[in-house]
Structure formats: C-alpha cells, structure tokens
PDB file of N, CA and C in Angstrom:
ATOM      1  N   UNK A   1      74.617  68.816  -1.288  1.00  0.00           N
ATOM      2  CA  UNK A   1      74.211  68.781   0.052  1.00  0.00           C
ATOM      3  C   UNK A   1      73.395  69.968   0.382  1.00  0.00           C
ATOM      4  N   UNK A   2      72.310  69.765   1.128  1.00  0.00           N
ATOM      5  CA  UNK A   2      71.439  70.894   1.523  1.00  0.00           C
ATOM      6  C   UNK A   2      71.799  71.388   2.897  1.00  0.00           C
ATOM      7  N   UNK A   3      72.078  72.701   3.056  1.00  0.00           N
ATOM      8  CA  UNK A   3      72.361  73.277   4.320  1.00  0.00           C
ATOM      9  C   UNK A   3      71.128  73.904   4.929  1.00  0.00           C
ATOM     10  N   UNK A   4      70.783  73.449   6.191  1.00  0.00           N
ATOM     11  CA  UNK A   4      69.650  73.989   6.878  1.00  0.00           C
ATOM     12  C   UNK A   4      69.889  75.393   7.368  1.00  0.00           C
ATOM     13  N   UNK A   5      68.950  76.255   7.246  1.00  0.00           N
ATOM     14  CA  UNK A   5      69.112  77.659   7.780  1.00  0.00           C
ATOM     15  C   UNK A   5      68.521  77.655   9.219  1.00  0.00           C
ATOM     16  N   UNK A   6      69.398  77.772  10.157  1.00  0.00           N
ATOM     17  CA  UNK A   6      68.962  77.768  11.618  1.00  0.00           C
ATOM     18  C   UNK A   6      68.201  79.050  11.951  1.00  0.00           C
ATOM     19  N   UNK A   7      68.303  80.077  11.119  1.00  0.00           N
ATOM     20  CA  UNK A   7      67.605  81.336  11.427  1.00  0.00           C
ATOM     21  C   UNK A   7      66.387  81.576  10.523  1.00  0.00           C
ATOM     22  N   UNK A   8      65.997  80.567   9.756  1.00  0.00           N
ATOM     23  CA  UNK A   8      64.804  80.707   8.903  1.00  0.00           C
ATOM     24  C   UNK A   8      63.604  80.816   9.761  1.00  0.00           C
ATOM     25  N   UNK A   9      62.569  81.576   9.275  1.00  0.00           N
ATOM     26  CA  UNK A   9      61.307  81.637  10.091  1.00  0.00           C
ATOM     27  C   UNK A   9      60.623  80.292  10.060  1.00  0.00           C
ATOM     28  N   UNK A  10      59.845  80.001  11.136  1.00  0.00           N
ATOM     29  CA  UNK A  10      59.141  78.791  11.257  1.00  0.00           C
ATOM     30  C   UNK A  10      57.671  79.145  11.061  1.00  0.00           C
ATOM     31  N   UNK A  11      56.985  78.496  10.186  1.00  0.00           N
ATOM     32  CA  UNK A  11      55.562  78.735  10.010  1.00  0.00           C
ATOM     33  C   UNK A  11      54.815  77.855  11.019  1.00  0.00           C
ATOM     34  N   UNK A  12      54.163  78.412  12.035  1.00  0.00           N
ATOM     35  CA  UNK A  12      53.511  77.608  13.048  1.00  0.00           C
ATOM     36  C   UNK A  12      52.252  76.813  12.494  1.00  0.00           C
ATOM     37  N   UNK A  13      51.889  77.029  11.263  1.00  0.00           N
ATOM     38  CA  UNK A  13      50.749  76.281  10.742  1.00  0.00           C
ATOM     39  C   UNK A  13      51.197  75.021  10.093  1.00  0.00           C
ATOM     40  N   UNK A  14      52.509  74.756   9.985  1.00  0.00           N
ATOM     41  CA  UNK A  14      52.909  73.488   9.361  1.00  0.00           C
ATOM     42  C   UNK A  14      52.744  72.320  10.231  1.00  0.00           C
ATOM     43  N   UNK A  15      52.617  71.141   9.646  1.00  0.00           N
ATOM     44  CA  UNK A  15      52.410  69.922  10.317  1.00  0.00           C
ATOM     45  C   UNK A  15      53.586  69.574  11.238  1.00  0.00           C
ATOM     46  N   UNK A  16      54.829  69.955  10.801  1.00  0.00           N
ATOM     47  CA  UNK A  16      56.048  69.678  11.605  1.00  0.00           C
ATOM     48  C   UNK A  16      55.952  70.441  12.913  1.00  0.00           C
ATOM     49  N   UNK A  17      55.530  71.714  12.790  1.00  0.00           N
ATOM     50  CA  UNK A  17      55.482  72.563  14.013  1.00  0.00           C
ATOM     51  C   UNK A  17      54.359  72.063  14.938  1.00  0.00           C
ATOM     52  N   UNK A  18      53.203  71.677  14.372  1.00  0.00           N
ATOM     53  CA  UNK A  18      52.131  71.148  15.179  1.00  0.00           C
ATOM     54  C   UNK A  18      52.586  69.845  15.855  1.00  0.00           C
ATOM     55  N   UNK A  19      53.255  69.037  15.096  1.00  0.00           N
ATOM     56  CA  UNK A  19      53.732  67.715  15.674  1.00  0.00           C
ATOM     57  C   UNK A  19      54.678  67.984  16.856  1.00  0.00           C
ATOM     58  N   UNK A  20      55.559  68.962  16.709  1.00  0.00           N
ATOM     59  CA  UNK A  20      56.497  69.310  17.800  1.00  0.00           C
ATOM     60  C   UNK A  20      55.767  69.807  19.054  1.00  0.00           C
ATOM     61  N   UNK A  21      54.696  70.534  18.856  1.00  0.00           N
ATOM     62  CA  UNK A  21      53.908  71.049  20.014  1.00  0.00           C
ATOM     63  C   UNK A  21      53.222  69.857  20.678  1.00  0.00           C
ATOM     64  N   UNK A  22      52.739  68.953  19.908  1.00  0.00           N
ATOM     65  CA  UNK A  22      52.059  67.792  20.453  1.00  0.00           C
ATOM     66  C   UNK A  22      53.077  66.943  21.283  1.00  0.00           C
ATOM     67  N   UNK A  23      54.296  66.771  20.760  1.00  0.00           N
ATOM     68  CA  UNK A  23      55.354  65.972  21.485  1.00  0.00           C
ATOM     69  C   UNK A  23      55.716  66.700  22.764  1.00  0.00           C
ATOM     70  N   UNK A  24      55.838  68.064  22.679  1.00  0.00           N
ATOM     71  CA  UNK A  24      56.143  68.812  23.865  1.00  0.00           C
ATOM     72  C   UNK A  24      55.088  68.639  24.933  1.00  0.00           C
ATOM     73  N   UNK A  25      53.842  68.782  24.542  1.00  0.00           N
ATOM     74  CA  UNK A  25      52.768  68.709  25.507  1.00  0.00           C
ATOM     75  C   UNK A  25      52.612  67.274  26.069  1.00  0.00           C
ATOM     76  N   UNK A  26      52.839  66.293  25.253  1.00  0.00           N
ATOM     77  CA  UNK A  26      52.788  64.863  25.686  1.00  0.00           C
ATOM     78  C   UNK A  26      53.880  64.616  26.743  1.00  0.00           C
ATOM     79  N   UNK A  27      55.068  65.023  26.453  1.00  0.00           N
ATOM     80  CA  UNK A  27      56.159  64.879  27.414  1.00  0.00           C
ATOM     81  C   UNK A  27      55.929  65.572  28.720  1.00  0.00           C
ATOM     82  N   UNK A  28      55.385  66.783  28.634  1.00  0.00           N
ATOM     83  CA  UNK A  28      55.085  67.560  29.819  1.00  0.00           C
ATOM     84  C   UNK A  28      54.001  66.839  30.633  1.00  0.00           C
ATOM     85  N   UNK A  29      52.963  66.351  29.991  1.00  0.00           N
ATOM     86  CA  UNK A  29      51.817  65.699  30.647  1.00  0.00           C
ATOM     87  C   UNK A  29      52.307  64.369  31.320  1.00  0.00           C
ATOM     88  N   UNK A  30      53.125  63.635  30.584  1.00  0.00           N
ATOM     89  CA  UNK A  30      53.638  62.360  31.175  1.00  0.00           C
ATOM     90  C   UNK A  30      54.504  62.646  32.438  1.00  0.00           C
ATOM     91  N   UNK A  31      55.361  63.656  32.365  1.00  0.00           N
ATOM     92  CA  UNK A  31      56.168  64.005  33.498  1.00  0.00           C
ATOM     93  C   UNK A  31      55.288  64.481  34.632  1.00  0.00           C
ATOM     94  N   UNK A  32      54.250  65.215  34.368  1.00  0.00           N
ATOM     95  CA  UNK A  32      53.375  65.721  35.395  1.00  0.00           C
ATOM     96  C   UNK A  32      52.631  64.556  36.113  1.00  0.00           C
ATOM     97  N   UNK A  33      52.112  63.650  35.277  1.00  0.00           N
ATOM     98  CA  UNK A  33      51.346  62.508  35.828  1.00  0.00           C
ATOM     99  C   UNK A  33      52.257  61.618  36.689  1.00  0.00           C
ATOM    100  N   UNK A  34      53.529  61.426  36.277  1.00  0.00           N
ATOM    101  CA  UNK A  34      54.479  60.652  37.061  1.00  0.00           C
ATOM    102  C   UNK A  34      54.700  61.248  38.454  1.00  0.00           C
ATOM    103  N   UNK A  35      54.892  62.572  38.483  1.00  0.00           N
ATOM    104  CA  UNK A  35      55.136  63.202  39.786  1.00  0.00           C
ATOM    105  C   UNK A  35      53.879  63.328  40.643  1.00  0.00           C
ATOM    106  N   UNK A  36      52.737  63.488  39.981  1.00  0.00           N
ATOM    107  CA  UNK A  36      51.492  63.587  40.733  1.00  0.00           C
ATOM    108  C   UNK A  36      51.123  62.198  41.393  1.00  0.00           C
ATOM    109  N   UNK A  37      51.591  61.053  40.800  1.00  0.00           N
ATOM    110  CA  UNK A  37      51.313  59.749  41.350  1.00  0.00           C
ATOM    111  C   UNK A  37      52.047  59.626  42.722  1.00  0.00           C
ATOM    112  N   UNK A  38      53.211  60.201  42.771  1.00  0.00           N
ATOM    113  CA  UNK A  38      54.033  60.176  43.996  1.00  0.00           C
ATOM    114  C   UNK A  38      53.698  61.248  44.987  1.00  0.00           C
ATOM    115  N   UNK A  39      53.326  62.441  44.425  1.00  0.00           N
ATOM    116  CA  UNK A  39      53.044  63.580  45.260  1.00  0.00           C
ATOM    117  C   UNK A  39      51.836  64.306  44.713  1.00  0.00           C
ATOM    118  N   UNK A  40      50.590  63.867  45.143  1.00  0.00           N
ATOM    119  CA  UNK A  40      49.372  64.530  44.649  1.00  0.00           C
ATOM    120  C   UNK A  40      49.412  66.034  44.979  1.00  0.00           C
ATOM    121  N   UNK A  41      48.913  66.785  44.070  1.00  0.00           N
ATOM    122  CA  UNK A  41      48.890  68.277  44.141  1.00  0.00           C
ATOM    123  C   UNK A  41      50.233  68.903  43.957  1.00  0.00           C
ATOM    124  N   UNK A  42      51.236  68.160  43.468  1.00  0.00           N
ATOM    125  CA  UNK A  42      52.565  68.749  43.204  1.00  0.00           C
ATOM    126  C   UNK A  42      52.435  69.946  42.276  1.00  0.00           C
ATOM    127  N   UNK A  43      51.684  69.814  41.161  1.00  0.00           N
ATOM    128  CA  UNK A  43      51.614  70.854  40.194  1.00  0.00           C
ATOM    129  C   UNK A  43      51.128  72.189  40.847  1.00  0.00           C
ATOM    130  N   UNK A  44      50.084  72.012  41.709  1.00  0.00           N
ATOM    131  CA  UNK A  44      49.542  73.207  42.367  1.00  0.00           C
ATOM    132  C   UNK A  44      50.574  73.859  43.328  1.00  0.00           C
ATOM    133  N   UNK A  45      51.271  72.986  44.038  1.00  0.00           N
ATOM    134  CA  UNK A  45      52.306  73.476  44.964  1.00  0.00           C
ATOM    135  C   UNK A  45      53.443  74.177  44.194  1.00  0.00           C
ATOM    136  N   UNK A  46      53.862  73.616  43.076  1.00  0.00           N
ATOM    137  CA  UNK A  46      54.901  74.209  42.254  1.00  0.00           C
ATOM    138  C   UNK A  46      54.477  75.485  41.675  1.00  0.00           C
ATOM    139  N   UNK A  47      53.196  75.532  41.191  1.00  0.00           N
ATOM    140  CA  UNK A  47      52.663  76.804  40.670  1.00  0.00           C
ATOM    141  C   UNK A  47      52.583  77.886  41.723  1.00  0.00           C
ATOM    142  N   UNK A  48      52.225  77.520  42.922  1.00  0.00           N
ATOM    143  CA  UNK A  48      52.224  78.445  44.040  1.00  0.00           C
ATOM    144  C   UNK A  48      53.627  78.976  44.329  1.00  0.00           C
ATOM    145  N   UNK A  49      54.596  78.053  44.267  1.00  0.00           N
ATOM    146  CA  UNK A  49      55.986  78.428  44.475  1.00  0.00           C
ATOM    147  C   UNK A  49      56.435  79.435  43.433  1.00  0.00           C
ATOM    148  N   UNK A  50      56.069  79.176  42.166  1.00  0.00           N
ATOM    149  CA  UNK A  50      56.434  80.153  41.116  1.00  0.00           C
ATOM    150  C   UNK A  50      55.827  81.485  41.319  1.00  0.00           C
ATOM    151  N   UNK A  51      54.602  81.543  41.862  1.00  0.00           N
ATOM    152  CA  UNK A  51      53.960  82.781  42.128  1.00  0.00           C
ATOM    153  C   UNK A  51      54.748  83.555  43.224  1.00  0.00           C
ATOM    154  N   UNK A  52      55.183  82.807  44.225  1.00  0.00           N
ATOM    155  CA  UNK A  52      55.949  83.408  45.301  1.00  0.00           C
ATOM    156  C   UNK A  52      57.280  83.816  44.834  1.00  0.00           C
ATOM    157  N   UNK A  53      57.967  82.990  44.058  1.00  0.00           N
ATOM    158  CA  UNK A  53      59.262  83.301  43.482  1.00  0.00           C
ATOM    159  C   UNK A  53      59.229  84.581  42.655  1.00  0.00           C
ATOM    160  N   UNK A  54      58.242  84.688  41.791  1.00  0.00           N
ATOM    161  CA  UNK A  54      58.112  85.889  40.945  1.00  0.00           C
ATOM    162  C   UNK A  54      57.940  87.130  41.742  1.00  0.00           C
ATOM    163  N   UNK A  55      57.221  87.021  42.842  1.00  0.00           N
ATOM    164  CA  UNK A  55      56.943  88.182  43.670  1.00  0.00           C
ATOM    165  C   UNK A  55      57.973  88.538  44.604  1.00  0.00           C
ATOM    166  N   UNK A  56      58.594  87.592  45.300  1.00  0.00           N
ATOM    167  CA  UNK A  56      59.490  87.860  46.387  1.00  0.00           C
ATOM    168  C   UNK A  56      60.964  87.766  45.953  1.00  0.00           C
ATOM    169  N   UNK A  57      61.322  86.725  45.207  1.00  0.00           N
ATOM    170  CA  UNK A  57      62.727  86.555  44.890  1.00  0.00           C
ATOM    171  C   UNK A  57      63.090  87.390  43.646  1.00  0.00           C
ATOM    172  N   UNK A  58      62.322  87.172  42.578  1.00  0.00           N
ATOM    173  CA  UNK A  58      62.596  87.925  41.373  1.00  0.00           C
ATOM    174  C   UNK A  58      62.133  89.354  41.498  1.00  0.00           C
ATOM    175  N   UNK A  59      61.301  89.599  42.449  1.00  0.00           N
ATOM    176  CA  UNK A  59      60.800  90.959  42.736  1.00  0.00           C
ATOM    177  C   UNK A  59      60.230  91.677  41.508  1.00  0.00           C
ATOM    178  N   UNK A  60      59.459  90.907  40.772  1.00  0.00           N
ATOM    179  CA  UNK A  60      58.844  91.497  39.590  1.00  0.00           C
ATOM    180  C   UNK A  60      59.654  91.504  38.333  1.00  0.00           C
ATOM    181  N   UNK A  61      60.957  91.189  38.489  1.00  0.00           N
ATOM    182  CA  UNK A  61      61.885  91.181  37.351  1.00  0.00           C
ATOM    183  C   UNK A  61      61.736  89.826  36.560  1.00  0.00           C
ATOM    184  N   UNK A  62      62.145  89.807  35.291  1.00  0.00           N
ATOM    185  CA  UNK A  62      62.120  88.613  34.544  1.00  0.00           C
ATOM    186  C   UNK A  62      63.038  87.585  35.057  1.00  0.00           C
ATOM    187  N   UNK A  63      62.586  86.292  34.950  1.00  0.00           N
ATOM    188  CA  UNK A  63      63.387  85.167  35.485  1.00  0.00           C
ATOM    189  C   UNK A  63      63.255  84.001  34.569  1.00  0.00           C
ATOM    190  N   UNK A  64      64.266  83.132  34.573  1.00  0.00           N
ATOM    191  CA  UNK A  64      64.171  81.839  33.861  1.00  0.00           C
ATOM    192  C   UNK A  64      63.652  80.808  34.881  1.00  0.00           C
ATOM    193  N   UNK A  65      62.795  79.887  34.354  1.00  0.00           N
ATOM    194  CA  UNK A  65      62.232  78.884  35.237  1.00  0.00           C
ATOM    195  C   UNK A  65      63.364  78.034  35.826  1.00  0.00           C
ATOM    196  N   UNK A  66      64.479  77.813  35.123  1.00  0.00           N
ATOM    197  CA  UNK A  66      65.546  77.048  35.667  1.00  0.00           C
ATOM    198  C   UNK A  66      66.097  77.620  36.914  1.00  0.00           C
ATOM    199  N   UNK A  67      66.125  79.016  37.034  1.00  0.00           N
ATOM    200  CA  UNK A  67      66.566  79.621  38.320  1.00  0.00           C
ATOM    201  C   UNK A  67      65.545  79.449  39.390  1.00  0.00           C
ATOM    202  N   UNK A  68      64.277  79.433  39.083  1.00  0.00           N
ATOM    203  CA  UNK A  68      63.241  79.184  40.096  1.00  0.00           C
ATOM    204  C   UNK A  68      63.354  77.751  40.599  1.00  0.00           C
ATOM    205  N   UNK A  69      63.603  76.840  39.645  1.00  0.00           N
ATOM    206  CA  UNK A  69      63.745  75.421  40.081  1.00  0.00           C
ATOM    207  C   UNK A  69      64.864  75.269  41.022  1.00  0.00           C
ATOM    208  N   UNK A  70      66.051  75.853  40.732  1.00  0.00           N
ATOM    209  CA  UNK A  70      67.220  75.723  41.575  1.00  0.00           C
ATOM    210  C   UNK A  70      66.867  76.292  42.987  1.00  0.00           C
ATOM    211  N   UNK A  71      66.166  77.398  42.990  1.00  0.00           N
ATOM    212  CA  UNK A  71      65.805  78.020  44.307  1.00  0.00           C
ATOM    213  C   UNK A  71      64.719  77.266  45.069  1.00  0.00           C
ATOM    214  N   UNK A  72      63.998  76.305  44.399  1.00  0.00           N
ATOM    215  CA  UNK A  72      62.946  75.599  44.988  1.00  0.00           C
ATOM    216  C   UNK A  72      63.341  74.371  45.887  1.00  0.00           C
ATOM    217  N   UNK A  73      64.642  74.035  45.800  1.00  0.00           N
ATOM    218  CA  UNK A  73      65.096  72.879  46.542  1.00  0.00           C
ATOM    219  C   UNK A  73      64.813  73.077  48.055  1.00  0.00           C
ATOM    220  N   UNK A  74      64.148  72.073  48.615  1.00  0.00           N
ATOM    221  CA  UNK A  74      63.723  72.176  50.038  1.00  0.00           C
ATOM    222  C   UNK A  74      62.432  72.807  50.290  1.00  0.00           C
ATOM    223  N   UNK A  75      61.862  73.433  49.199  1.00  0.00           N
ATOM    224  CA  UNK A  75      60.579  74.118  49.295  1.00  0.00           C
ATOM    225  C   UNK A  75      59.492  73.390  48.546  1.00  0.00           C
ATOM    226  N   UNK A  76      59.879  72.777  47.423  1.00  0.00           N
ATOM    227  CA  UNK A  76      58.955  71.977  46.609  1.00  0.00           C
ATOM    228  C   UNK A  76      59.652  70.659  46.366  1.00  0.00           C
ATOM    229  N   UNK A  77      58.835  69.590  46.499  1.00  0.00           N
ATOM    230  CA  UNK A  77      59.445  68.273  46.271  1.00  0.00           C
ATOM    231  C   UNK A  77      60.179  68.153  44.974  1.00  0.00           C
ATOM    232  N   UNK A  78      61.411  67.683  44.983  1.00  0.00           N
ATOM    233  CA  UNK A  78      62.166  67.541  43.744  1.00  0.00           C
ATOM    234  C   UNK A  78      61.583  66.461  42.877  1.00  0.00           C
ATOM    235  N   UNK A  79      61.696  66.693  41.565  1.00  0.00           N
ATOM    236  CA  UNK A  79      61.112  65.746  40.593  1.00  0.00           C
ATOM    237  C   UNK A  79      62.307  65.171  39.741  1.00  0.00           C
ATOM    238  N   UNK A  80      62.041  63.962  39.274  1.00  0.00           N
ATOM    239  CA  UNK A  80      63.055  63.297  38.404  1.00  0.00           C
ATOM    240  C   UNK A  80      63.126  64.016  37.099  1.00  0.00           C
ATOM    241  N   UNK A  81      61.930  64.330  36.545  1.00  0.00           N
ATOM    242  CA  UNK A  81      61.869  64.884  35.153  1.00  0.00           C
ATOM    243  C   UNK A  81      61.456  66.286  35.265  1.00  0.00           C
ATOM    244  N   UNK A  82      62.394  67.244  34.955  1.00  0.00           N
ATOM    245  CA  UNK A  82      62.099  68.681  35.081  1.00  0.00           C
ATOM    246  C   UNK A  82      61.013  69.185  34.119  1.00  0.00           C
ATOM    247  N   UNK A  83      60.640  68.316  33.149  1.00  0.00           N
ATOM    248  CA  UNK A  83      59.521  68.695  32.310  1.00  0.00           C
ATOM    249  C   UNK A  83      58.229  68.861  33.035  1.00  0.00           C
ATOM    250  N   UNK A  84      58.134  68.295  34.264  1.00  0.00           N
ATOM    251  CA  UNK A  84      56.937  68.461  35.045  1.00  0.00           C
ATOM    252  C   UNK A  84      56.747  69.905  35.465  1.00  0.00           C
ATOM    253  N   UNK A  85      57.832  70.656  35.449  1.00  0.00           N
ATOM    254  CA  UNK A  85      57.742  72.100  35.817  1.00  0.00           C
ATOM    255  C   UNK A  85      56.944  72.868  34.714  1.00  0.00           C
ATOM    256  N   UNK A  86      56.950  72.351  33.471  1.00  0.00           N
ATOM    257  CA  UNK A  86      56.235  73.004  32.432  1.00  0.00           C
ATOM    258  C   UNK A  86      54.734  73.104  32.754  1.00  0.00           C
ATOM    259  N   UNK A  87      54.166  72.044  33.381  1.00  0.00           N
ATOM    260  CA  UNK A  87      52.805  72.055  33.763  1.00  0.00           C
ATOM    261  C   UNK A  87      52.537  73.089  34.816  1.00  0.00           C
ATOM    262  N   UNK A  88      53.489  73.216  35.826  1.00  0.00           N
ATOM    263  CA  UNK A  88      53.325  74.227  36.906  1.00  0.00           C
ATOM    264  C   UNK A  88      53.428  75.640  36.284  1.00  0.00           C
ATOM    265  N   UNK A  89      54.326  75.842  35.361  1.00  0.00           N
ATOM    266  CA  UNK A  89      54.389  77.168  34.688  1.00  0.00           C
ATOM    267  C   UNK A  89      53.140  77.505  33.967  1.00  0.00           C
ATOM    268  N   UNK A  90      52.584  76.577  33.246  1.00  0.00           N
ATOM    269  CA  UNK A  90      51.301  76.774  32.555  1.00  0.00           C
ATOM    270  C   UNK A  90      50.177  77.080  33.536  1.00  0.00           C
ATOM    271  N   UNK A  91      50.159  76.339  34.646  1.00  0.00           N
ATOM    272  CA  UNK A  91      49.145  76.557  35.668  1.00  0.00           C
ATOM    273  C   UNK A  91      49.228  77.943  36.275  1.00  0.00           C
ATOM    274  N   UNK A  92      50.463  78.348  36.573  1.00  0.00           N
ATOM    275  CA  UNK A  92      50.653  79.704  37.134  1.00  0.00           C
ATOM    276  C   UNK A  92      50.307  80.775  36.173  1.00  0.00           C
ATOM    277  N   UNK A  93      50.620  80.572  34.878  1.00  0.00           N
ATOM    278  CA  UNK A  93      50.238  81.540  33.851  1.00  0.00           C
ATOM    279  C   UNK A  93      48.754  81.595  33.626  1.00  0.00           C
ATOM    280  N   UNK A  94      48.071  80.456  33.575  1.00  0.00           N
ATOM    281  CA  UNK A  94      46.585  80.445  33.481  1.00  0.00           C
ATOM    282  C   UNK A  94      45.894  81.111  34.602  1.00  0.00           C
ATOM    283  N   UNK A  95      46.484  81.032  35.782  1.00  0.00           N
ATOM    284  CA  UNK A  95      45.858  81.664  36.979  1.00  0.00           C
ATOM    285  C   UNK A  95      46.174  83.166  37.020  1.00  0.00           C
ATOM    286  N   UNK A  96      46.974  83.678  36.100  1.00  0.00           N
ATOM    287  CA  UNK A  96      47.279  85.070  36.048  1.00  0.00           C
ATOM    288  C   UNK A  96      48.290  85.566  36.997  1.00  0.00           C
ATOM    289  N   UNK A  97      49.157  84.589  37.483  1.00  0.00           N
ATOM    290  CA  UNK A  97      50.218  84.932  38.426  1.00  0.00           C
ATOM    291  C   UNK A  97      51.495  85.379  37.769  1.00  0.00           C
ATOM    292  N   UNK A  98      51.812  84.724  36.590  1.00  0.00           N
ATOM    293  CA  UNK A  98      53.042  85.034  35.903  1.00  0.00           C
ATOM    294  C   UNK A  98      52.704  85.155  34.410  1.00  0.00           C
ATOM    295  N   UNK A  99      53.613  85.852  33.693  1.00  0.00           N
ATOM    296  CA  UNK A  99      53.419  85.992  32.263  1.00  0.00           C
ATOM    297  C   UNK A  99      54.780  85.985  31.536  1.00  0.00           C
ATOM    298  N   UNK A 100      54.772  85.687  30.290  1.00  0.00           N
ATOM    299  CA  UNK A 100      56.035  85.684  29.517  1.00  0.00           C
ATOM    300  C   UNK A 100      56.555  87.129  29.447  1.00  0.00           C
ATOM    301  N   UNK A 101      57.859  87.183  29.579  1.00  0.00           N
ATOM    302  CA  UNK A 101      58.472  88.527  29.593  1.00  0.00           C
ATOM    303  C   UNK A 101      59.527  88.730  28.491  1.00  0.00           C
ATOM    304  N   UNK A 102      59.878  87.713  27.792  1.00  0.00           N
ATOM    305  CA  UNK A 102      60.904  87.773  26.792  1.00  0.00           C
ATOM    306  C   UNK A 102      61.653  86.446  26.721  1.00  0.00           C
ATOM    307  N   UNK A 103      62.982  86.511  26.513  1.00  0.00           N
ATOM    308  CA  UNK A 103      63.771  85.289  26.464  1.00  0.00           C
ATOM    309  C   UNK A 103      65.207  85.638  26.977  1.00  0.00           C
ATOM    310  N   UNK A 104      65.889  84.595  27.344  1.00  0.00           N
ATOM    311  CA  UNK A 104      67.295  84.798  27.796  1.00  0.00           C
ATOM    312  C   UNK A 104      68.077  83.521  27.569  1.00  0.00           C
ATOM    313  N   UNK A 105      69.369  83.535  27.495  1.00  0.00           N
ATOM    314  CA  UNK A 105      70.125  82.306  27.366  1.00  0.00           C
ATOM    315  C   UNK A 105      69.989  81.450  28.597  1.00  0.00           C
ATOM    316  N   UNK A 106      69.821  80.185  28.414  1.00  0.00           N
ATOM    317  CA  UNK A 106      69.575  79.244  29.532  1.00  0.00           C
ATOM    318  C   UNK A 106      70.686  78.239  29.662  1.00  0.00           C
ATOM    319  N   UNK A 107      71.197  78.102  30.855  1.00  0.00           N
ATOM    320  CA  UNK A 107      72.298  77.107  31.073  1.00  0.00           C
ATOM    321  C   UNK A 107      71.838  75.669  30.766  1.00  0.00           C
ATOM    322  N   UNK A 108      70.590  75.386  31.048  1.00  0.00           N
ATOM    323  CA  UNK A 108      70.073  74.035  30.849  1.00  0.00           C
ATOM    324  C   UNK A 108      69.940  73.695  29.357  1.00  0.00           C
ATOM    325  N   UNK A 109      70.073  74.599  28.513  1.00  0.00           N
ATOM    326  CA  UNK A 109      70.010  74.281  27.055  1.00  0.00           C
ATOM    327  C   UNK A 109      71.175  74.853  26.295  1.00  0.00           C
ATOM    328  N   UNK A 110      72.401  74.756  26.897  1.00  0.00           N
ATOM    329  CA  UNK A 110      73.646  75.260  26.260  1.00  0.00           C
ATOM    330  C   UNK A 110      73.496  76.640  25.757  1.00  0.00           C
ATOM    331  N   UNK A 111      72.895  77.495  26.602  1.00  0.00           N
ATOM    332  CA  UNK A 111      72.712  78.925  26.384  1.00  0.00           C
ATOM    333  C   UNK A 111      71.744  79.274  25.198  1.00  0.00           C
ATOM    334  N   UNK A 112      70.998  78.222  24.769  1.00  0.00           N
ATOM    335  CA  UNK A 112      69.906  78.595  23.802  1.00  0.00           C
ATOM    336  C   UNK A 112      68.875  79.363  24.531  1.00  0.00           C
ATOM    337  N   UNK A 113      68.170  80.239  23.823  1.00  0.00           N
ATOM    338  CA  UNK A 113      67.202  81.133  24.517  1.00  0.00           C
ATOM    339  C   UNK A 113      65.936  80.336  24.986  1.00  0.00           C
ATOM    340  N   UNK A 114      65.512  80.683  26.186  1.00  0.00           N
ATOM    341  CA  UNK A 114      64.266  80.120  26.696  1.00  0.00           C
ATOM    342  C   UNK A 114      63.419  81.338  27.203  1.00  0.00           C
ATOM    343  N   UNK A 115      62.130  81.085  27.296  1.00  0.00           N
ATOM    344  CA  UNK A 115      61.281  82.223  27.728  1.00  0.00           C
ATOM    345  C   UNK A 115      61.666  82.658  29.155  1.00  0.00           C
ATOM    346  N   UNK A 116      61.557  83.880  29.406  1.00  0.00           N
ATOM    347  CA  UNK A 116      61.576  84.430  30.772  1.00  0.00           C
ATOM    348  C   UNK A 116      60.187  84.729  31.173  1.00  0.00           C
ATOM    349  N   UNK A 117      59.958  84.781  32.483  1.00  0.00           N
ATOM    350  CA  UNK A 117      58.670  84.991  33.047  1.00  0.00           C
ATOM    351  C   UNK A 117      58.761  86.106  34.106  1.00  0.00           C
ATOM    352  N   UNK A 118      57.686  86.717  34.403  1.00  0.00           N
ATOM    353  CA  UNK A 118      57.649  87.725  35.469  1.00  0.00           C
ATOM    354  C   UNK A 118      56.252  87.712  36.125  1.00  0.00           C
ATOM    355  N   UNK A 119      56.186  88.355  37.272  1.00  0.00           N
ATOM    356  CA  UNK A 119      54.937  88.469  37.978  1.00  0.00           C
ATOM    357  C   UNK A 119      54.042  89.328  37.136  1.00  0.00           C
ATOM    358  N   UNK A 120      52.727  89.014  37.060  1.00  0.00           N
ATOM    359  CA  UNK A 120      51.797  89.811  36.361  1.00  0.00           C
ATOM    360  C   UNK A 120      51.588  91.098  37.183  1.00  0.00           C
ATOM    361  N   UNK A 121      51.754  92.241  36.613  1.00  0.00           N
ATOM    362  CA  UNK A 121      51.572  93.484  37.333  1.00  0.00           C
ATOM    363  C   UNK A 121      50.174  93.628  37.817  1.00  0.00           C
ATOM    364  N   UNK A 122      49.964  94.089  39.052  1.00  0.00           N
ATOM    365  CA  UNK A 122      48.630  94.243  39.590  1.00  0.00           C
ATOM    366  C   UNK A 122      48.195  95.702  39.659  1.00  0.00           C
TER     367      UNK A 122
END
C-alpha cells in the first residue's frame, strides 16, 4: 500500500495542479454568475466591502475572508455559494485594495490554512 505524503512539495507545473486551478476558477466563476443574475454588480459591491473591511475593521491587519464574510451580513447581499466571494477577493486585489499577507487556520476548512489578506499600504 502506498502512503501519500501530505507535506510533499507540489510542482505547480504539473497537469494535476493546473487541472485543480481550472476547477477552482470554474467553480468561482459559476458562483459569481449565479449571484450576478440575481444581484447585478454584486461582485463590485462585495469588493468595495472588502476594501472597507480591510481599512476600517481589520485596520490594516491581516484577516481571513471568512471573517469579512461574517461581518458583511446586512451590508452585502448574502449569497448561497460562498465561492462567489473568491471573485470579489480577486477583484479587490486586482484593483490594488488588498493583498495576500500570509495564511492562518480557517474555521470554514477544519482549521486548514487559508490565505490572509490585508489593506495595501499607501
């Protein structure tokens, strides 16, 4: 029996890694399109919320997106599929509002590490 090494390095040039990225992006895009059908401009509103959260609530400190999502209730329309937030995070990062800051254990993934984000210093 072959034991998989959970700590082995992953070569991002492998077909397996590329396929995983494609599946991730496809799931995120499908979730985004579903929410945008119900609430046009949702991605822009959520990205703006992340900008505000990073500045005012996280006060420039690193934060997990799941914490920003929880704080967004009543401020940004709730979505059925939280993967739609991935598109908002990417939009906020592309606009130079937030950047990756490291990683931290996330409750939404049984404490597996997820990226943390912070306001881009000005």
